[in-house]
PDB file of N, CA and C in Angstrom:
ATOM      1  N   MET A   1      -1.689  36.484  16.767  1.00  0.00           N
ATOM      2  CA  MET A   1      -2.713  35.519  16.468  1.00  0.00           C
ATOM      3  C   MET A   1      -2.107  34.454  15.558  1.00  0.00           C
ATOM      4  N   PRO A   2      -2.317  33.175  15.862  1.00  0.00           N
ATOM      5  CA  PRO A   2      -1.755  32.109  15.041  1.00  0.00           C
ATOM      6  C   PRO A   2      -2.425  32.069  13.664  1.00  0.00           C
ATOM      7  N   ASN A   3      -1.668  31.580  12.682  1.00  0.00           N
ATOM      8  CA  ASN A   3      -2.159  31.514  11.311  1.00  0.00           C
ATOM      9  C   ASN A   3      -2.770  30.122  11.077  1.00  0.00           C
ATOM     10  N   ARG A   4      -3.940  29.896  11.652  1.00  0.00           N
ATOM     11  CA  ARG A   4      -4.617  28.612  11.501  1.00  0.00           C
ATOM     12  C   ARG A   4      -6.079  28.846  11.179  1.00  0.00           C
ATOM     13  N   LYS A   5      -6.664  27.856  10.495  1.00  0.00           N
ATOM     14  CA  LYS A   5      -8.092  27.946  10.193  1.00  0.00           C
ATOM     15  C   LYS A   5      -8.865  27.223  11.298  1.00  0.00           C
ATOM     16  N   PRO A   6     -10.107  27.540  11.451  1.00  0.00           N
ATOM     17  CA  PRO A   6     -10.906  26.854  12.471  1.00  0.00           C
ATOM     18  C   PRO A   6     -11.082  25.377  12.115  1.00  0.00           C
ATOM     19  N   HIS A   7     -11.289  24.555  13.115  1.00  0.00           N
ATOM     20  CA  HIS A   7     -11.462  23.123  12.915  1.00  0.00           C
ATOM     21  C   HIS A   7     -12.662  22.862  12.000  1.00  0.00           C
ATOM     22  N   GLY A   8     -12.476  22.055  10.947  1.00  0.00           N
ATOM     23  CA  GLY A   8     -13.559  21.713  10.040  1.00  0.00           C
ATOM     24  C   GLY A   8     -13.718  22.661   8.859  1.00  0.00           C
ATOM     25  N   ALA A   9     -13.019  23.766   8.847  1.00  0.00           N
ATOM     26  CA  ALA A   9     -13.145  24.713   7.737  1.00  0.00           C
ATOM     27  C   ALA A   9     -12.301  24.221   6.560  1.00  0.00           C
ATOM     28  N   ARG A  10     -12.750  24.528   5.355  1.00  0.00           N
ATOM     29  CA  ARG A  10     -12.018  24.141   4.147  1.00  0.00           C
ATOM     30  C   ARG A  10     -11.469  25.375   3.463  1.00  0.00           C
ATOM     31  N   THR A  11     -10.366  25.184   2.788  1.00  0.00           N
ATOM     32  CA  THR A  11      -9.860  26.282   1.987  1.00  0.00           C
ATOM     33  C   THR A  11     -10.622  26.283   0.673  1.00  0.00           C
ATOM     34  N   ALA A  12     -10.464  27.308  -0.132  1.00  0.00           N
ATOM     35  CA  ALA A  12     -11.162  27.404  -1.411  1.00  0.00           C
ATOM     36  C   ALA A  12     -10.718  26.287  -2.350  1.00  0.00           C
ATOM     37  N   THR A  13      -9.445  25.945  -2.322  1.00  0.00           N
ATOM     38  CA  THR A  13      -8.938  24.885  -3.188  1.00  0.00           C
ATOM     39  C   THR A  13      -9.513  23.533  -2.782  1.00  0.00           C
ATOM     40  N   GLN A  14      -9.571  23.242  -1.518  1.00  0.00           N
ATOM     41  CA  GLN A  14     -10.118  21.969  -1.063  1.00  0.00           C
ATOM     42  C   GLN A  14     -11.592  21.847  -1.432  1.00  0.00           C
ATOM     43  N   GLY A  15     -12.321  22.917  -1.330  1.00  0.00           N
ATOM     44  CA  GLY A  15     -13.740  22.888  -1.691  1.00  0.00           C
ATOM     45  C   GLY A  15     -13.926  22.647  -3.178  1.00  0.00           C
ATOM     46  N   ALA A  16     -13.096  23.247  -4.012  1.00  0.00           N
ATOM     47  CA  ALA A  16     -13.212  23.075  -5.453  1.00  0.00           C
ATOM     48  C   ALA A  16     -12.844  21.654  -5.860  1.00  0.00           C
ATOM     49  N   VAL A  17     -11.821  21.114  -5.240  1.00  0.00           N
ATOM     50  CA  VAL A  17     -11.396  19.757  -5.573  1.00  0.00           C
ATOM     51  C   VAL A  17     -12.462  18.754  -5.157  1.00  0.00           C
ATOM     52  N   ALA A  18     -13.110  18.987  -4.057  1.00  0.00           N
ATOM     53  CA  ALA A  18     -14.121  18.058  -3.578  1.00  0.00           C
ATOM     54  C   ALA A  18     -15.324  18.010  -4.513  1.00  0.00           C
ATOM     55  N   ARG A  19     -15.616  19.087  -5.253  1.00  0.00           N
ATOM     56  CA  ARG A  19     -16.780  19.113  -6.124  1.00  0.00           C
ATOM     57  C   ARG A  19     -16.507  18.601  -7.531  1.00  0.00           C
ATOM     58  N   VAL A  20     -15.248  18.451  -7.911  1.00  0.00           N
ATOM     59  CA  VAL A  20     -14.908  17.984  -9.249  1.00  0.00           C
ATOM     60  C   VAL A  20     -15.019  16.464  -9.262  1.00  0.00           C
ATOM     61  N   PRO A  21     -15.837  15.904 -10.168  1.00  0.00           N
ATOM     62  CA  PRO A  21     -15.924  14.441 -10.215  1.00  0.00           C
ATOM     63  C   PRO A  21     -14.602  13.828 -10.652  1.00  0.00           C
ATOM     64  N   ASN A  22     -14.298  12.702 -10.102  1.00  0.00           N
ATOM     65  CA  ASN A  22     -13.041  12.028 -10.382  1.00  0.00           C
ATOM     66  C   ASN A  22     -13.270  10.970 -11.464  1.00  0.00           C
ATOM     67  N   PRO A  23     -12.801  11.214 -12.696  1.00  0.00           N
ATOM     68  CA  PRO A  23     -13.033  10.224 -13.745  1.00  0.00           C
ATOM     69  C   PRO A  23     -12.296   8.912 -13.488  1.00  0.00           C
ATOM     70  N   ALA A  24     -11.201   8.954 -12.784  1.00  0.00           N
ATOM     71  CA  ALA A  24     -10.467   7.721 -12.497  1.00  0.00           C
ATOM     72  C   ALA A  24     -11.248   6.848 -11.533  1.00  0.00           C
ATOM     73  N   GLY A  25     -11.998   7.450 -10.649  1.00  0.00           N
ATOM     74  CA  GLY A  25     -12.798   6.685  -9.699  1.00  0.00           C
ATOM     75  C   GLY A  25     -13.872   5.878 -10.392  1.00  0.00           C
ATOM     76  N   HIS A  26     -14.506   6.445 -11.407  1.00  0.00           N
ATOM     77  CA  HIS A  26     -15.558   5.733 -12.121  1.00  0.00           C
ATOM     78  C   HIS A  26     -14.974   4.855 -13.222  1.00  0.00           C
ATOM     79  N   GLY A  27     -13.899   5.282 -13.821  1.00  0.00           N
ATOM     80  CA  GLY A  27     -13.304   4.538 -14.922  1.00  0.00           C
ATOM     81  C   GLY A  27     -12.553   3.302 -14.473  1.00  0.00           C
ATOM     82  N   SER A  28     -12.159   3.234 -13.220  1.00  0.00           N
ATOM     83  CA  SER A  28     -11.404   2.082 -12.755  1.00  0.00           C
ATOM     84  C   SER A  28     -12.302   0.945 -12.298  1.00  0.00           C
ATOM     85  N   TYR A  29     -13.603   1.161 -12.200  1.00  0.00           N
ATOM     86  CA  TYR A  29     -14.505   0.113 -11.728  1.00  0.00           C
ATOM     87  C   TYR A  29     -14.567  -1.083 -12.680  1.00  0.00           C
ATOM     88  N   PRO A  30     -14.672  -0.912 -14.004  1.00  0.00           N
ATOM     89  CA  PRO A  30     -14.763  -2.079 -14.886  1.00  0.00           C
ATOM     90  C   PRO A  30     -13.500  -2.933 -14.925  1.00  0.00           C
ATOM     91  N   GLY A  31     -12.372  -2.393 -14.550  1.00  0.00           N
ATOM     92  CA  GLY A  31     -11.127  -3.152 -14.614  1.00  0.00           C
ATOM     93  C   GLY A  31     -11.159  -4.455 -13.837  1.00  0.00           C
ATOM     94  N   PRO A  32     -11.463  -4.427 -12.546  1.00  0.00           N
ATOM     95  CA  PRO A  32     -11.514  -5.691 -11.793  1.00  0.00           C
ATOM     96  C   PRO A  32     -12.616  -6.633 -12.288  1.00  0.00           C
ATOM     97  N   VAL A  33     -13.730  -6.085 -12.737  1.00  0.00           N
ATOM     98  CA  VAL A  33     -14.819  -6.924 -13.236  1.00  0.00           C
ATOM     99  C   VAL A  33     -14.368  -7.652 -14.498  1.00  0.00           C
ATOM    100  N   LEU A  34     -13.754  -6.919 -15.429  1.00  0.00           N
ATOM    101  CA  LEU A  34     -13.283  -7.544 -16.658  1.00  0.00           C
ATOM    102  C   LEU A  34     -12.155  -8.537 -16.386  1.00  0.00           C
ATOM    103  N   THR A  35     -11.325  -8.237 -15.412  1.00  0.00           N
ATOM    104  CA  THR A  35     -10.245  -9.150 -15.042  1.00  0.00           C
ATOM    105  C   THR A  35     -10.806 -10.457 -14.493  1.00  0.00           C
ATOM    106  N   ALA A  36     -11.871 -10.370 -13.718  1.00  0.00           N
ATOM    107  CA  ALA A  36     -12.489 -11.571 -13.156  1.00  0.00           C
ATOM    108  C   ALA A  36     -13.170 -12.404 -14.235  1.00  0.00           C
ATOM    109  N   LEU A  37     -13.701 -11.769 -15.267  1.00  0.00           N
ATOM    110  CA  LEU A  37     -14.382 -12.495 -16.338  1.00  0.00           C
ATOM    111  C   LEU A  37     -13.414 -13.075 -17.368  1.00  0.00           C
ATOM    112  N   GLY A  38     -12.202 -12.565 -17.419  1.00  0.00           N
ATOM    113  CA  GLY A  38     -11.228 -12.969 -18.427  1.00  0.00           C
ATOM    114  C   GLY A  38     -10.952 -14.465 -18.495  1.00  0.00           C
ATOM    115  N   PRO A  39     -10.670 -15.145 -17.379  1.00  0.00           N
ATOM    116  CA  PRO A  39     -10.395 -16.585 -17.469  1.00  0.00           C
ATOM    117  C   PRO A  39     -11.561 -17.384 -18.051  1.00  0.00           C
ATOM    118  N   GLY A  40     -12.776 -16.978 -17.775  1.00  0.00           N
ATOM    119  CA  GLY A  40     -13.932 -17.657 -18.356  1.00  0.00           C
ATOM    120  C   GLY A  40     -13.988 -17.500 -19.864  1.00  0.00           C
ATOM    121  N   VAL A  41     -13.662 -16.310 -20.331  1.00  0.00           N
ATOM    122  CA  VAL A  41     -13.650 -16.065 -21.778  1.00  0.00           C
ATOM    123  C   VAL A  41     -12.555 -16.894 -22.446  1.00  0.00           C
ATOM    124  N   VAL A  42     -11.398 -16.968 -21.815  1.00  0.00           N
ATOM    125  CA  VAL A  42     -10.292 -17.751 -22.376  1.00  0.00           C
ATOM    126  C   VAL A  42     -10.662 -19.233 -22.420  1.00  0.00           C
ATOM    127  N   ALA A  43     -11.282 -19.747 -21.365  1.00  0.00           N
ATOM    128  CA  ALA A  43     -11.686 -21.153 -21.344  1.00  0.00           C
ATOM    129  C   ALA A  43     -12.718 -21.446 -22.420  1.00  0.00           C
ATOM    130  N   ARG A  44     -13.684 -20.564 -22.582  1.00  0.00           N
ATOM    131  CA  ARG A  44     -14.725 -20.755 -23.595  1.00  0.00           C
ATOM    132  C   ARG A  44     -14.119 -20.772 -24.995  1.00  0.00           C
ATOM    133  N   ARG A  45     -13.218 -19.848 -25.259  1.00  0.00           N
ATOM    134  CA  ARG A  45     -12.577 -19.801 -26.578  1.00  0.00           C
ATOM    135  C   ARG A  45     -11.730 -21.046 -26.815  1.00  0.00           C
ATOM    136  N   GLY A  46     -11.075 -21.534 -25.778  1.00  0.00           N
ATOM    137  CA  GLY A  46     -10.271 -22.741 -25.911  1.00  0.00           C
ATOM    138  C   GLY A  46     -11.120 -23.954 -26.245  1.00  0.00           C
ATOM    139  N   LEU A  47     -12.265 -24.072 -25.600  1.00  0.00           N
ATOM    140  CA  LEU A  47     -13.155 -25.192 -25.882  1.00  0.00           C
ATOM    141  C   LEU A  47     -13.727 -25.108 -27.293  1.00  0.00           C
ATOM    142  N   ARG A  48     -14.019 -23.911 -27.741  1.00  0.00           N
ATOM    143  CA  ARG A  48     -14.559 -23.741 -29.085  1.00  0.00           C
ATOM    144  C   ARG A  48     -13.492 -23.965 -30.153  1.00  0.00           C
ATOM    145  N   ALA A  49     -12.219 -23.765 -29.819  1.00  0.00           N
ATOM    146  CA  ALA A  49     -11.141 -23.908 -30.795  1.00  0.00           C
ATOM    147  C   ALA A  49     -10.696 -25.353 -30.952  1.00  0.00           C
ATOM    148  N   SER A  50     -11.072 -26.221 -30.037  1.00  0.00           N
ATOM    149  CA  SER A  50     -10.615 -27.604 -30.069  1.00  0.00           C
ATOM    150  C   SER A  50     -10.906 -28.316 -31.386  1.00  0.00           C
ATOM    151  N   PRO A  51     -12.110 -28.248 -31.956  1.00  0.00           N
ATOM    152  CA  PRO A  51     -12.347 -28.908 -33.244  1.00  0.00           C
ATOM    153  C   PRO A  51     -11.475 -28.339 -34.371  1.00  0.00           C
ATOM    154  N   ALA A  52     -11.236 -27.049 -34.353  1.00  0.00           N
ATOM    155  CA  ALA A  52     -10.400 -26.439 -35.395  1.00  0.00           C
ATOM    156  C   ALA A  52      -8.959 -26.918 -35.276  1.00  0.00           C
ATOM    157  N   VAL A  53      -8.461 -27.042 -34.069  1.00  0.00           N
ATOM    158  CA  VAL A  53      -7.089 -27.529 -33.855  1.00  0.00           C
ATOM    159  C   VAL A  53      -6.994 -28.990 -34.292  1.00  0.00           C
ATOM    160  N   GLU A  54      -7.992 -29.775 -33.919  1.00  0.00           N
ATOM    161  CA  GLU A  54      -8.012 -31.190 -34.319  1.00  0.00           C
ATOM    162  C   GLU A  54      -7.999 -31.327 -35.848  1.00  0.00           C
ATOM    163  N   HIS A  55      -8.806 -30.540 -36.512  1.00  0.00           N
ATOM    164  CA  HIS A  55      -8.866 -30.573 -37.973  1.00  0.00           C
ATOM    165  C   HIS A  55      -7.517 -30.175 -38.587  1.00  0.00           C
ATOM    166  N   ALA A  56      -6.906 -29.132 -38.054  1.00  0.00           N
ATOM    167  CA  ALA A  56      -5.617 -28.670 -38.585  1.00  0.00           C
ATOM    168  C   ALA A  56      -4.530 -29.726 -38.393  1.00  0.00           C
ATOM    169  N   LEU A  57      -4.525 -30.391 -37.237  1.00  0.00           N
ATOM    170  CA  LEU A  57      -3.529 -31.436 -37.002  1.00  0.00           C
ATOM    171  C   LEU A  57      -3.769 -32.630 -37.917  1.00  0.00           C
ATOM    172  N   ASN A  58      -5.030 -33.000 -38.104  1.00  0.00           N
ATOM    173  CA  ASN A  58      -5.342 -34.107 -39.020  1.00  0.00           C
ATOM    174  C   ASN A  58      -4.916 -33.776 -40.443  1.00  0.00           C
ATOM    175  N   GLU A  59      -5.143 -32.544 -40.830  1.00  0.00           N
ATOM    176  CA  GLU A  59      -4.789 -32.130 -42.191  1.00  0.00           C
ATOM    177  C   GLU A  59      -3.275 -32.051 -42.379  1.00  0.00           C
ATOM    178  N   GLY A  60      -2.572 -31.544 -41.390  1.00  0.00           N
ATOM    179  CA  GLY A  60      -1.127 -31.347 -41.522  1.00  0.00           C
ATOM    180  C   GLY A  60      -0.306 -32.581 -41.231  1.00  0.00           C
ATOM    181  N   LEU A  61      -0.734 -33.387 -40.251  1.00  0.00           N
ATOM    182  CA  LEU A  61       0.063 -34.539 -39.835  1.00  0.00           C
ATOM    183  C   LEU A  61      -0.533 -35.869 -40.269  1.00  0.00           C
ATOM    184  N   GLY A  62      -1.736 -35.837 -40.801  1.00  0.00           N
ATOM    185  CA  GLY A  62      -2.409 -37.081 -41.182  1.00  0.00           C
ATOM    186  C   GLY A  62      -3.375 -37.511 -40.082  1.00  0.00           C
ATOM    187  N   THR A  63      -4.297 -38.356 -40.452  1.00  0.00           N
ATOM    188  CA  THR A  63      -5.352 -38.735 -39.504  1.00  0.00           C
ATOM    189  C   THR A  63      -4.862 -39.660 -38.402  1.00  0.00           C
ATOM    190  N   ARG A  64      -3.682 -40.252 -38.561  1.00  0.00           N
ATOM    191  CA  ARG A  64      -3.189 -41.190 -37.552  1.00  0.00           C
ATOM    192  C   ARG A  64      -2.130 -40.567 -36.649  1.00  0.00           C
ATOM    193  N   TRP A  65      -2.053 -39.251 -36.587  1.00  0.00           N
ATOM    194  CA  TRP A  65      -1.036 -38.581 -35.773  1.00  0.00           C
ATOM    195  C   TRP A  65      -1.211 -38.887 -34.293  1.00  0.00           C
ATOM    196  N   ARG A  66      -2.452 -39.052 -33.837  1.00  0.00           N
ATOM    197  CA  ARG A  66      -2.695 -39.274 -32.407  1.00  0.00           C
ATOM    198  C   ARG A  66      -2.122 -40.626 -31.971  1.00  0.00           C
ATOM    199  N   ASN A  67      -2.169 -41.636 -32.839  1.00  0.00           N
ATOM    200  CA  ASN A  67      -1.581 -42.936 -32.488  1.00  0.00           C
ATOM    201  C   ASN A  67      -0.087 -42.802 -32.240  1.00  0.00           C
ATOM    202  N   ALA A  68       0.590 -41.994 -33.042  1.00  0.00           N
ATOM    203  CA  ALA A  68       2.026 -41.784 -32.860  1.00  0.00           C
ATOM    204  C   ALA A  68       2.309 -41.040 -31.559  1.00  0.00           C
ATOM    205  N   VAL A  69       1.448 -40.091 -31.227  1.00  0.00           N
ATOM    206  CA  VAL A  69       1.632 -39.340 -29.977  1.00  0.00           C
ATOM    207  C   VAL A  69       1.358 -40.252 -28.789  1.00  0.00           C
ATOM    208  N   ASP A  70       0.283 -41.058 -28.872  1.00  0.00           N
ATOM    209  CA  ASP A  70      -0.055 -41.970 -27.776  1.00  0.00           C
ATOM    210  C   ASP A  70       1.023 -43.039 -27.582  1.00  0.00           C
ATOM    211  N   ALA A  71       1.693 -43.441 -28.664  1.00  0.00           N
ATOM    212  CA  ALA A  71       2.741 -44.453 -28.558  1.00  0.00           C
ATOM    213  C   ALA A  71       3.925 -43.939 -27.744  1.00  0.00           C
ATOM    214  N   GLY A  72       4.158 -42.655 -27.730  1.00  0.00           N
ATOM    215  CA  GLY A  72       5.277 -42.073 -26.985  1.00  0.00           C
ATOM    216  C   GLY A  72       4.966 -41.816 -25.521  1.00  0.00           C
ATOM    217  N   ARG A  73       3.747 -42.087 -25.089  1.00  0.00           N
ATOM    218  CA  ARG A  73       3.330 -41.840 -23.702  1.00  0.00           C
ATOM    219  C   ARG A  73       3.890 -42.967 -22.802  1.00  0.00           C
ATOM    220  N   PRO A  74       4.372 -42.640 -21.627  1.00  0.00           N
ATOM    221  CA  PRO A  74       4.874 -43.677 -20.705  1.00  0.00           C
ATOM    222  C   PRO A  74       3.753 -44.656 -20.329  1.00  0.00           C
ATOM    223  N   PRO A  75       4.090 -45.905 -20.030  1.00  0.00           N
ATOM    224  CA  PRO A  75       3.067 -46.886 -19.645  1.00  0.00           C
ATOM    225  C   PRO A  75       2.305 -46.441 -18.402  1.00  0.00           C
ATOM    226  N   GLY A  76       1.037 -46.725 -18.384  1.00  0.00           N
ATOM    227  CA  GLY A  76       0.204 -46.367 -17.232  1.00  0.00           C
ATOM    228  C   GLY A  76      -0.428 -45.001 -17.305  1.00  0.00           C
ATOM    229  N   ARG A  77      -0.062 -44.199 -18.278  1.00  0.00           N
ATOM    230  CA  ARG A  77      -0.652 -42.872 -18.422  1.00  0.00           C
ATOM    231  C   ARG A  77      -1.833 -42.950 -19.376  1.00  0.00           C
ATOM    232  N   ALA A  78      -2.959 -42.470 -18.953  1.00  0.00           N
ATOM    233  CA  ALA A  78      -4.157 -42.506 -19.801  1.00  0.00           C
ATOM    234  C   ALA A  78      -4.073 -41.421 -20.862  1.00  0.00           C
ATOM    235  N   ALA A  79      -4.670 -41.696 -22.005  1.00  0.00           N
ATOM    236  CA  ALA A  79      -4.720 -40.712 -23.096  1.00  0.00           C
ATOM    237  C   ALA A  79      -5.729 -39.631 -22.754  1.00  0.00           C
ATOM    238  N   VAL A  80      -5.421 -38.415 -23.094  1.00  0.00           N
ATOM    239  CA  VAL A  80      -6.325 -37.278 -22.877  1.00  0.00           C
ATOM    240  C   VAL A  80      -7.152 -37.086 -24.135  1.00  0.00           C
ATOM    241  N   ARG A  81      -8.447 -37.156 -24.011  1.00  0.00           N
ATOM    242  CA  ARG A  81      -9.333 -36.973 -25.170  1.00  0.00           C
ATOM    243  C   ARG A  81     -10.511 -36.140 -24.807  1.00  0.00           C
TER     244      ARG A  81
END
């Protein structure tokens, strides 16, 4: 007689593994969601930091630092503000 199980039958180990919840299956769900939200959070923080950066540059380089930076721009390039 061949040493095979009937079609569709499970061994004891397979049955036990099937009933154990997989923590990786549930724990990996937030990863892609948080990854998708990340660029939005970075953009929001960047926009909120702009006044602080402007203040720090004015304090460290003087209030006319932007004129010096704009003077070094090639002709025809618009200033970013």
